[in-house]
C-alpha atoms as a PDB file:
ATOM      1  CA  MET A   1     -89.227 -95.703  90.072  1.00  0.00           C
ATOM      2  CA  ALA A   2     -91.737 -93.683  88.173  1.00  0.00           C
ATOM      3  CA  GLU A   3     -92.322 -94.674  84.622  1.00  0.00           C
ATOM      4  CA  ARG A   4     -91.225 -92.022  82.097  1.00  0.00           C
ATOM      5  CA  SER A   5     -93.421 -91.110  79.304  1.00  0.00           C
ATOM      6  CA  PRO A   6     -92.194 -91.214  75.628  1.00  0.00           C
ATOM      7  CA  TRP A   7     -89.895 -88.218  74.868  1.00  0.00           C
ATOM      8  CA  PRO A   8     -90.525 -87.022  71.346  1.00  0.00           C
ATOM      9  CA  TYR A   9     -87.691 -84.391  71.217  1.00  0.00           C
ATOM     10  CA  PRO A  10     -84.137 -84.917  69.807  1.00  0.00           C
ATOM     11  CA  ARG A  11     -81.076 -84.669  72.006  1.00  0.00           C
ATOM     12  CA  TRP A  12     -79.563 -81.634  70.233  1.00  0.00           C
ATOM     13  CA  VAL A  13     -81.316 -78.255  70.595  1.00  0.00           C
ATOM     14  CA  ALA A  14     -79.993 -75.067  69.001  1.00  0.00           C
ATOM     15  CA  HIS A  15     -79.891 -72.227  71.589  1.00  0.00           C
ATOM     16  CA  ARG A  16     -81.880 -68.999  70.580  1.00  0.00           C
ATOM     17  CA  GLY A  17     -81.854 -70.251  67.055  1.00  0.00           C
ATOM     18  CA  ALA A  18     -78.331 -70.507  66.085  1.00  0.00           C
ATOM     19  CA  GLY A  19     -76.329 -69.573  69.333  1.00  0.00           C
ATOM     20  CA  LYS A  20     -73.959 -66.709  68.587  1.00  0.00           C
ATOM     21  CA  LEU A  21     -73.631 -67.304  64.933  1.00  0.00           C
ATOM     22  CA  ALA A  22     -76.761 -65.137  64.014  1.00  0.00           C
ATOM     23  CA  PRO A  23     -78.729 -62.526  65.971  1.00  0.00           C
ATOM     24  CA  GLU A  24     -80.407 -64.547  68.735  1.00  0.00           C
ATOM     25  CA  ASN A  25     -84.102 -64.955  68.735  1.00  0.00           C
ATOM     26  CA  THR A  26     -84.615 -63.777  65.274  1.00  0.00           C
ATOM     27  CA  LEU A  27     -85.958 -65.752  62.310  1.00  0.00           C
ATOM     28  CA  ALA A  28     -82.615 -65.351  60.670  1.00  0.00           C
ATOM     29  CA  ALA A  29     -81.108 -67.349  63.534  1.00  0.00           C
ATOM     30  CA  PHE A  30     -83.561 -70.174  63.154  1.00  0.00           C
ATOM     31  CA  ARG A  31     -82.960 -70.324  59.407  1.00  0.00           C
ATOM     32  CA  PHE A  32     -79.212 -70.529  60.124  1.00  0.00           C
ATOM     33  CA  GLY A  33     -79.753 -73.261  62.651  1.00  0.00           C
ATOM     34  CA  ALA A  34     -81.916 -75.232  60.383  1.00  0.00           C
ATOM     35  CA  SER A  35     -79.281 -74.940  57.584  1.00  0.00           C
ATOM     36  CA  HIS A  36     -76.919 -76.919  59.901  1.00  0.00           C
ATOM     37  CA  GLY A  37     -79.438 -79.654  60.164  1.00  0.00           C
ATOM     38  CA  TYR A  38     -80.985 -78.711  63.532  1.00  0.00           C
ATOM     39  CA  ARG A  39     -84.517 -79.887  63.968  1.00  0.00           C
ATOM     40  CA  MET A  40     -85.237 -78.363  67.392  1.00  0.00           C
ATOM     41  CA  PHE A  41     -84.667 -74.944  68.704  1.00  0.00           C
ATOM     42  CA  GLU A  42     -84.922 -73.009  72.051  1.00  0.00           C
ATOM     43  CA  CYS A  43     -86.181 -69.462  72.209  1.00  0.00           C
ATOM     44  CA  ASP A  44     -87.168 -66.872  74.882  1.00  0.00           C
ATOM     45  CA  ALA A  45     -90.724 -65.425  74.936  1.00  0.00           C
ATOM     46  CA  LYS A  46     -92.168 -62.390  76.671  1.00  0.00           C
ATOM     47  CA  LEU A  47     -95.114 -60.010  76.495  1.00  0.00           C
ATOM     48  CA  SER A  48     -95.298 -56.685  75.011  1.00  0.00           C
ATOM     49  CA  ALA A  49     -97.162 -53.920  76.932  1.00  0.00           C
ATOM     50  CA  ASP A  50    -100.271 -54.740  74.842  1.00  0.00           C
ATOM     51  CA  GLY A  51     -99.993 -58.531  75.201  1.00  0.00           C
ATOM     52  CA  VAL A  52     -98.189 -59.771  72.068  1.00  0.00           C
ATOM     53  CA  VAL A  53     -95.765 -62.589  72.713  1.00  0.00           C
ATOM     54  CA  PHE A  54     -92.375 -61.759  71.086  1.00  0.00           C
ATOM     55  CA  LEU A  55     -88.928 -63.202  71.249  1.00  0.00           C
ATOM     56  CA  MET A  56     -86.240 -61.574  73.414  1.00  0.00           C
ATOM     57  CA  HIS A  57     -84.114 -62.843  76.154  1.00  0.00           C
ATOM     58  CA  ASP A  58     -83.197 -59.644  78.148  1.00  0.00           C
ATOM     59  CA  ALA A  59     -85.704 -57.527  80.034  1.00  0.00           C
ATOM     60  CA  THR A  60     -84.226 -54.380  78.266  1.00  0.00           C
ATOM     61  CA  LEU A  61     -83.906 -53.848  74.625  1.00  0.00           C
ATOM     62  CA  ASP A  62     -80.435 -52.267  74.649  1.00  0.00           C
ATOM     63  CA  ARG A  63     -78.173 -55.312  74.046  1.00  0.00           C
ATOM     64  CA  THR A  64     -79.849 -56.959  71.028  1.00  0.00           C
ATOM     65  CA  THR A  65     -81.816 -54.185  69.427  1.00  0.00           C
ATOM     66  CA  ASN A  66     -81.445 -50.536  68.508  1.00  0.00           C
ATOM     67  CA  GLY A  67     -84.119 -49.653  71.133  1.00  0.00           C
ATOM     68  CA  HIS A  68     -83.812 -48.656  74.637  1.00  0.00           C
ATOM     69  CA  GLY A  69     -85.654 -49.366  77.983  1.00  0.00           C
ATOM     70  CA  ILE A  70     -87.734 -52.308  79.080  1.00  0.00           C
ATOM     71  CA  GLY A  71     -89.169 -54.311  76.183  1.00  0.00           C
ATOM     72  CA  GLY A  72     -92.305 -55.456  77.960  1.00  0.00           C
ATOM     73  CA  GLN A  73     -93.282 -51.797  78.747  1.00  0.00           C
ATOM     74  CA  GLN A  74     -93.555 -50.901  74.954  1.00  0.00           C
ATOM     75  CA  ALA A  75     -96.354 -51.759  72.590  1.00  0.00           C
ATOM     76  CA  TRP A  76     -95.763 -54.154  69.778  1.00  0.00           C
ATOM     77  CA  SER A  77     -96.274 -51.406  67.215  1.00  0.00           C
ATOM     78  CA  ALA A  78     -93.049 -49.947  68.464  1.00  0.00           C
ATOM     79  CA  LEU A  79     -91.204 -53.111  69.015  1.00  0.00           C
ATOM     80  CA  SER A  80     -91.955 -54.281  65.610  1.00  0.00           C
ATOM     81  CA  GLN A  81     -90.009 -51.408  64.066  1.00  0.00           C
ATOM     82  CA  LEU A  82     -86.661 -52.183  65.880  1.00  0.00           C
ATOM     83  CA  ASP A  83     -83.447 -53.464  64.251  1.00  0.00           C
ATOM     84  CA  ALA A  84     -82.762 -56.757  66.102  1.00  0.00           C
ATOM     85  CA  GLY A  85     -79.883 -57.790  63.813  1.00  0.00           C
ATOM     86  CA  GLY A  86     -77.561 -54.923  63.188  1.00  0.00           C
ATOM     87  CA  TRP A  87     -75.893 -55.293  66.711  1.00  0.00           C
ATOM     88  CA  HIS A  88     -74.695 -58.714  65.546  1.00  0.00           C
ATOM     89  CA  SER A  89     -73.170 -57.902  62.205  1.00  0.00           C
ATOM     90  CA  ARG A  90     -73.976 -55.827  59.017  1.00  0.00           C
ATOM     91  CA  ALA A  91     -75.247 -58.907  57.307  1.00  0.00           C
ATOM     92  CA  PHE A  92     -78.254 -59.008  59.586  1.00  0.00           C
ATOM     93  CA  ALA A  93     -78.916 -55.330  59.787  1.00  0.00           C
ATOM     94  CA  GLY A  94     -82.754 -54.674  59.594  1.00  0.00           C
ATOM     95  CA  GLU A  95     -83.731 -58.046  60.993  1.00  0.00           C
ATOM     96  CA  PRO A  96     -86.806 -57.458  62.932  1.00  0.00           C
ATOM     97  CA  LEU A  97     -88.042 -58.868  66.378  1.00  0.00           C
ATOM     98  CA  PRO A  98     -90.351 -61.886  65.577  1.00  0.00           C
ATOM     99  CA  THR A  99     -93.564 -62.761  67.390  1.00  0.00           C
ATOM    100  CA  LEU A 100     -94.095 -66.376  68.646  1.00  0.00           C
ATOM    101  CA  GLU A 101     -96.578 -66.510  65.796  1.00  0.00           C
ATOM    102  CA  ASN A 102     -93.986 -65.803  63.246  1.00  0.00           C
ATOM    103  CA  LEU A 103     -91.850 -68.556  64.625  1.00  0.00           C
ATOM    104  CA  ALA A 104     -94.617 -70.991  64.909  1.00  0.00           C
ATOM    105  CA  ARG A 105     -95.361 -70.522  61.164  1.00  0.00           C
ATOM    106  CA  PHE A 106     -91.763 -71.207  60.296  1.00  0.00           C
ATOM    107  CA  CYS A 107     -91.450 -74.162  62.600  1.00  0.00           C
ATOM    108  CA  ARG A 108     -94.615 -75.879  61.517  1.00  0.00           C
ATOM    109  CA  ALA A 109     -94.010 -75.235  57.725  1.00  0.00           C
ATOM    110  CA  ASN A 110     -90.490 -76.892  58.155  1.00  0.00           C
ATOM    111  CA  GLU A 111     -91.398 -79.610  60.712  1.00  0.00           C
ATOM    112  CA  LEU A 112     -89.092 -78.091  63.381  1.00  0.00           C
ATOM    113  CA  LEU A 113     -89.720 -78.499  67.064  1.00  0.00           C
ATOM    114  CA  LEU A 114     -89.437 -75.841  69.806  1.00  0.00           C
ATOM    115  CA  ASN A 115     -88.570 -75.258  73.380  1.00  0.00           C
ATOM    116  CA  ILE A 116     -90.116 -71.910  74.394  1.00  0.00           C
ATOM    117  CA  GLU A 117     -88.531 -70.517  77.555  1.00  0.00           C
ATOM    118  CA  ILE A 118     -91.028 -68.253  79.178  1.00  0.00           C
ATOM    119  CA  LYS A 119     -88.907 -65.200  80.124  1.00  0.00           C
ATOM    120  CA  PRO A 120     -91.280 -62.775  81.986  1.00  0.00           C
ATOM    121  CA  THR A 121     -90.671 -59.012  82.300  1.00  0.00           C
ATOM    122  CA  PRO A 122     -90.242 -58.915  86.118  1.00  0.00           C
ATOM    123  CA  GLY A 123     -93.654 -58.589  87.813  1.00  0.00           C
ATOM    124  CA  THR A 124     -95.532 -60.347  85.081  1.00  0.00           C
ATOM    125  CA  GLU A 125     -94.518 -63.901  85.800  1.00  0.00           C
ATOM    126  CA  ARG A 126     -97.966 -65.607  86.117  1.00  0.00           C
ATOM    127  CA  GLU A 127     -99.572 -63.477  83.314  1.00  0.00           C
ATOM    128  CA  THR A 128     -96.655 -64.225  80.904  1.00  0.00           C
ATOM    129  CA  GLY A 129     -96.845 -68.036  81.654  1.00  0.00           C
ATOM    130  CA  GLU A 130    -100.635 -67.979  80.936  1.00  0.00           C
ATOM    131  CA  VAL A 131    -100.551 -66.026  77.694  1.00  0.00           C
ATOM    132  CA  VAL A 132     -97.573 -67.936  76.336  1.00  0.00           C
ATOM    133  CA  ALA A 133     -99.187 -71.295  77.006  1.00  0.00           C
ATOM    134  CA  ARG A 134    -102.505 -70.118  75.419  1.00  0.00           C
ATOM    135  CA  GLU A 135    -100.656 -68.862  72.381  1.00  0.00           C
ATOM    136  CA  ALA A 136     -98.656 -72.033  72.090  1.00  0.00           C
ATOM    137  CA  ALA A 137    -101.665 -74.202  72.247  1.00  0.00           C
ATOM    138  CA  ARG A 138    -103.467 -72.103  69.586  1.00  0.00           C
ATOM    139  CA  LEU A 139    -100.484 -71.915  67.189  1.00  0.00           C
ATOM    140  CA  TRP A 140     -99.565 -75.631  67.502  1.00  0.00           C
ATOM    141  CA  GLN A 141    -103.158 -76.891  67.559  1.00  0.00           C
ATOM    142  CA  GLY A 142    -103.134 -80.278  65.762  1.00  0.00           C
ATOM    143  CA  ALA A 143     -99.409 -80.544  65.740  1.00  0.00           C
ATOM    144  CA  ALA A 144     -98.077 -83.966  66.365  1.00  0.00           C
ATOM    145  CA  ILE A 145     -95.396 -82.741  68.840  1.00  0.00           C
ATOM    146  CA  PRO A 146     -96.192 -79.680  70.905  1.00  0.00           C
ATOM    147  CA  PRO A 147     -93.598 -77.110  72.094  1.00  0.00           C
ATOM    148  CA  LEU A 148     -91.815 -77.638  75.321  1.00  0.00           C
ATOM    149  CA  LEU A 149     -92.522 -74.740  77.743  1.00  0.00           C
ATOM    150  CA  THR A 150     -89.654 -74.042  80.253  1.00  0.00           C
ATOM    151  CA  SER A 151     -88.870 -71.329  82.807  1.00  0.00           C
ATOM    152  CA  PHE A 152     -86.705 -70.482  85.805  1.00  0.00           C
ATOM    153  CA  GLN A 153     -89.891 -68.663  87.232  1.00  0.00           C
ATOM    154  CA  VAL A 154     -92.060 -71.100  89.124  1.00  0.00           C
ATOM    155  CA  ASP A 155     -95.082 -68.614  88.824  1.00  0.00           C
ATOM    156  CA  ALA A 156     -94.778 -68.568  84.978  1.00  0.00           C
ATOM    157  CA  LEU A 157     -94.869 -72.435  84.891  1.00  0.00           C
ATOM    158  CA  LYS A 158     -97.879 -72.269  87.313  1.00  0.00           C
ATOM    159  CA  GLY A 159     -99.643 -69.945  84.958  1.00  0.00           C
ATOM    160  CA  ALA A 160     -98.813 -72.229  82.037  1.00  0.00           C
ATOM    161  CA  GLN A 161    -100.027 -75.337  83.898  1.00  0.00           C
ATOM    162  CA  ALA A 162    -103.319 -73.677  84.923  1.00  0.00           C
ATOM    163  CA  VAL A 163    -104.434 -72.570  81.440  1.00  0.00           C
ATOM    164  CA  GLN A 164    -102.924 -75.460  79.282  1.00  0.00           C
ATOM    165  CA  PRO A 165    -102.005 -78.388  81.513  1.00  0.00           C
ATOM    166  CA  GLU A 166    -101.638 -80.686  78.502  1.00  0.00           C
ATOM    167  CA  LEU A 167     -98.421 -78.861  77.179  1.00  0.00           C
ATOM    168  CA  PRO A 168     -95.209 -80.245  78.349  1.00  0.00           C
ATOM    169  CA  ARG A 169     -93.290 -78.337  80.844  1.00  0.00           C
ATOM    170  CA  GLY A 170     -89.741 -78.129  82.154  1.00  0.00           C
ATOM    171  CA  LEU A 171     -88.174 -76.375  85.245  1.00  0.00           C
ATOM    172  CA  LEU A 172     -84.921 -74.494  84.438  1.00  0.00           C
ATOM    173  CA  LEU A 173     -82.409 -74.509  87.174  1.00  0.00           C
ATOM    174  CA  ASP A 174     -79.083 -72.665  87.681  1.00  0.00           C
ATOM    175  CA  THR A 175     -78.654 -74.065  91.229  1.00  0.00           C
ATOM    176  CA  LEU A 176     -80.137 -77.183  92.814  1.00  0.00           C
ATOM    177  CA  TRP A 177     -82.131 -75.216  95.357  1.00  0.00           C
ATOM    178  CA  ASN A 178     -84.023 -76.807  98.283  1.00  0.00           C
ATOM    179  CA  GLY A 179     -87.215 -78.460  97.085  1.00  0.00           C
ATOM    180  CA  TRP A 180     -86.400 -78.208  93.288  1.00  0.00           C
ATOM    181  CA  LEU A 181     -87.642 -81.811  92.383  1.00  0.00           C
ATOM    182  CA  ASP A 182     -90.694 -81.710  94.426  1.00  0.00           C
ATOM    183  CA  THR A 183     -91.550 -78.288  92.904  1.00  0.00           C
ATOM    184  CA  ALA A 184     -91.023 -79.674  89.345  1.00  0.00           C
ATOM    185  CA  LEU A 185     -93.375 -82.666  90.241  1.00  0.00           C
ATOM    186  CA  GLY A 186     -95.984 -80.254  91.593  1.00  0.00           C
ATOM    187  CA  LEU A 187     -95.850 -78.261  88.436  1.00  0.00           C
ATOM    188  CA  GLY A 188     -96.523 -81.462  86.470  1.00  0.00           C
ATOM    189  CA  CYS A 189     -93.108 -81.055  84.738  1.00  0.00           C
ATOM    190  CA  GLN A 190     -91.842 -83.523  82.203  1.00  0.00           C
ATOM    191  CA  ALA A 191     -88.230 -82.380  82.402  1.00  0.00           C
ATOM    192  CA  ILE A 192     -85.463 -80.575  84.515  1.00  0.00           C
ATOM    193  CA  VAL A 193     -83.245 -78.307  82.419  1.00  0.00           C
ATOM    194  CA  CYS A 194     -79.967 -77.471  84.306  1.00  0.00           C
ATOM    195  CA  ASN A 195     -76.860 -75.728  83.951  1.00  0.00           C
ATOM    196  CA  HIS A 196     -74.752 -78.631  82.574  1.00  0.00           C
ATOM    197  CA  ALA A 197     -72.297 -78.481  85.413  1.00  0.00           C
ATOM    198  CA  LEU A 198     -74.942 -79.417  87.927  1.00  0.00           C
ATOM    199  CA  TRP A 199     -75.546 -82.843  86.475  1.00  0.00           C
ATOM    200  CA  ASP A 200     -73.844 -85.903  88.053  1.00  0.00           C
ATOM    201  CA  ALA A 201     -74.771 -89.519  88.142  1.00  0.00           C
ATOM    202  CA  ALA A 202     -76.735 -89.316  91.300  1.00  0.00           C
ATOM    203  CA  THR A 203     -78.736 -86.317  90.111  1.00  0.00           C
ATOM    204  CA  VAL A 204     -79.514 -87.879  86.724  1.00  0.00           C
ATOM    205  CA  ALA A 205     -80.666 -90.880  88.526  1.00  0.00           C
ATOM    206  CA  GLN A 206     -82.859 -89.010  90.934  1.00  0.00           C
ATOM    207  CA  VAL A 207     -84.564 -87.159  87.966  1.00  0.00           C
ATOM    208  CA  HIS A 208     -85.073 -90.335  85.834  1.00  0.00           C
ATOM    209  CA  GLY A 209     -86.267 -92.140  88.945  1.00  0.00           C
ATOM    210  CA  ALA A 210     -88.944 -89.514  89.295  1.00  0.00           C
ATOM    211  CA  GLY A 211     -90.115 -90.174  85.757  1.00  0.00           C
ATOM    212  CA  LEU A 212     -88.616 -86.853  84.324  1.00  0.00           C
ATOM    213  CA  ARG A 213     -86.118 -86.070  81.494  1.00  0.00           C
ATOM    214  CA  SER A 214     -82.636 -84.368  82.093  1.00  0.00           C
ATOM    215  CA  LEU A 215     -81.774 -81.574  79.820  1.00  0.00           C
ATOM    216  CA  SER A 216     -78.710 -79.097  79.875  1.00  0.00           C
ATOM    217  CA  TYR A 217     -77.876 -75.616  78.893  1.00  0.00           C
ATOM    218  CA  THR A 218     -75.622 -74.260  77.309  1.00  0.00           C
ATOM    219  CA  VAL A 219     -73.123 -76.731  76.153  1.00  0.00           C
ATOM    220  CA  ASN A 220     -70.405 -75.424  73.851  1.00  0.00           C
ATOM    221  CA  ASP A 221     -67.357 -77.685  74.412  1.00  0.00           C
ATOM    222  CA  GLU A 222     -66.901 -81.335  73.173  1.00  0.00           C
ATOM    223  CA  TRP A 223     -65.728 -82.613  76.549  1.00  0.00           C
ATOM    224  CA  ALA A 224     -68.831 -81.264  78.286  1.00  0.00           C
ATOM    225  CA  ALA A 225     -71.234 -82.764  75.793  1.00  0.00           C
ATOM    226  CA  GLN A 226     -69.510 -86.155  75.965  1.00  0.00           C
ATOM    227  CA  ARG A 227     -69.744 -86.024  79.843  1.00  0.00           C
ATOM    228  CA  LEU A 228     -73.559 -85.417  79.527  1.00  0.00           C
ATOM    229  CA  ILE A 229     -73.922 -88.135  77.006  1.00  0.00           C
ATOM    230  CA  ASP A 230     -72.043 -90.579  79.180  1.00  0.00           C
ATOM    231  CA  LEU A 231     -74.252 -89.676  82.081  1.00  0.00           C
ATOM    232  CA  GLY A 232     -77.271 -90.668  80.028  1.00  0.00           C
ATOM    233  CA  THR A 233     -78.982 -87.235  79.962  1.00  0.00           C
ATOM    234  CA  ASP A 234     -81.727 -86.697  77.553  1.00  0.00           C
ATOM    235  CA  GLY A 235     -81.034 -83.184  75.837  1.00  0.00           C
ATOM    236  CA  ILE A 236     -78.259 -80.775  75.128  1.00  0.00           C
ATOM    237  CA  ILE A 237     -78.841 -77.061  74.378  1.00  0.00           C
ATOM    238  CA  THR A 238     -75.841 -75.533  72.506  1.00  0.00           C
ATOM    239  CA  ASP A 239     -74.738 -72.340  70.722  1.00  0.00           C
ATOM    240  CA  ARG A 240     -72.324 -74.365  68.603  1.00  0.00           C
ATOM    241  CA  VAL A 241     -74.506 -75.365  65.751  1.00  0.00           C
ATOM    242  CA  ASP A 242     -71.318 -75.389  63.675  1.00  0.00           C
ATOM    243  CA  LEU A 243     -69.555 -77.834  65.972  1.00  0.00           C
ATOM    244  CA  PHE A 244     -72.088 -80.400  67.052  1.00  0.00           C
ATOM    245  CA  SER A 245     -73.859 -82.616  64.461  1.00  0.00           C
ATOM    246  CA  PRO A 246     -77.547 -82.803  65.590  1.00  0.00           C
ATOM    247  CA  ALA A 247     -77.531 -86.364  64.264  1.00  0.00           C
ATOM    248  CA  GLY A 248     -74.974 -87.354  66.971  1.00  0.00           C
END
């Protein structure tokens, strides 16, 4: 059994800032999550056309902003003018898209931890992994605990590994595809982050036996959270910052 390195992150992680209670991937959401006591957050990071790392989950702008089209094909000067809060509710109208640098300042000033999901615009996987990792290393230089970089995209994690191998990485999985564990080990990952339904006792033991940590997304029901705790998993990403106490 491989020895697991110390794990500096808490069990509970707020999904996209505050789940669905505030507009995802905005500073307003991270403030909201922090107000519920959360000390670690997950966000999605991608590149603008001119190489700025900004927060957004979807490839297109339409669902979570008043913009249209593919976000990664637009310059930051245009993206920075969008309303990323009004779609959620009037209270958040006018909330802008943040850069990773904006979020890093907030997290470091408030001693908050971050899981950065590298979410490339299709076709930019390697480049996005490289740029996000370089930015994360720059923005968290000297921090006691660096951000955890995760992605579904193997090429994005390869890019991150190539330019900043010291930053911790995790492989995201929505299925247990053939060779997933060997791939994670080859990427030098410290964690596997699964759809919570994929975990069972044998898979947790397999991951822990390889020296990795076991995390889950997106857990919004008490029965599901308790099942994962009973299995001995290491981290739970949730939308329900109002339901789960991060001290639990």
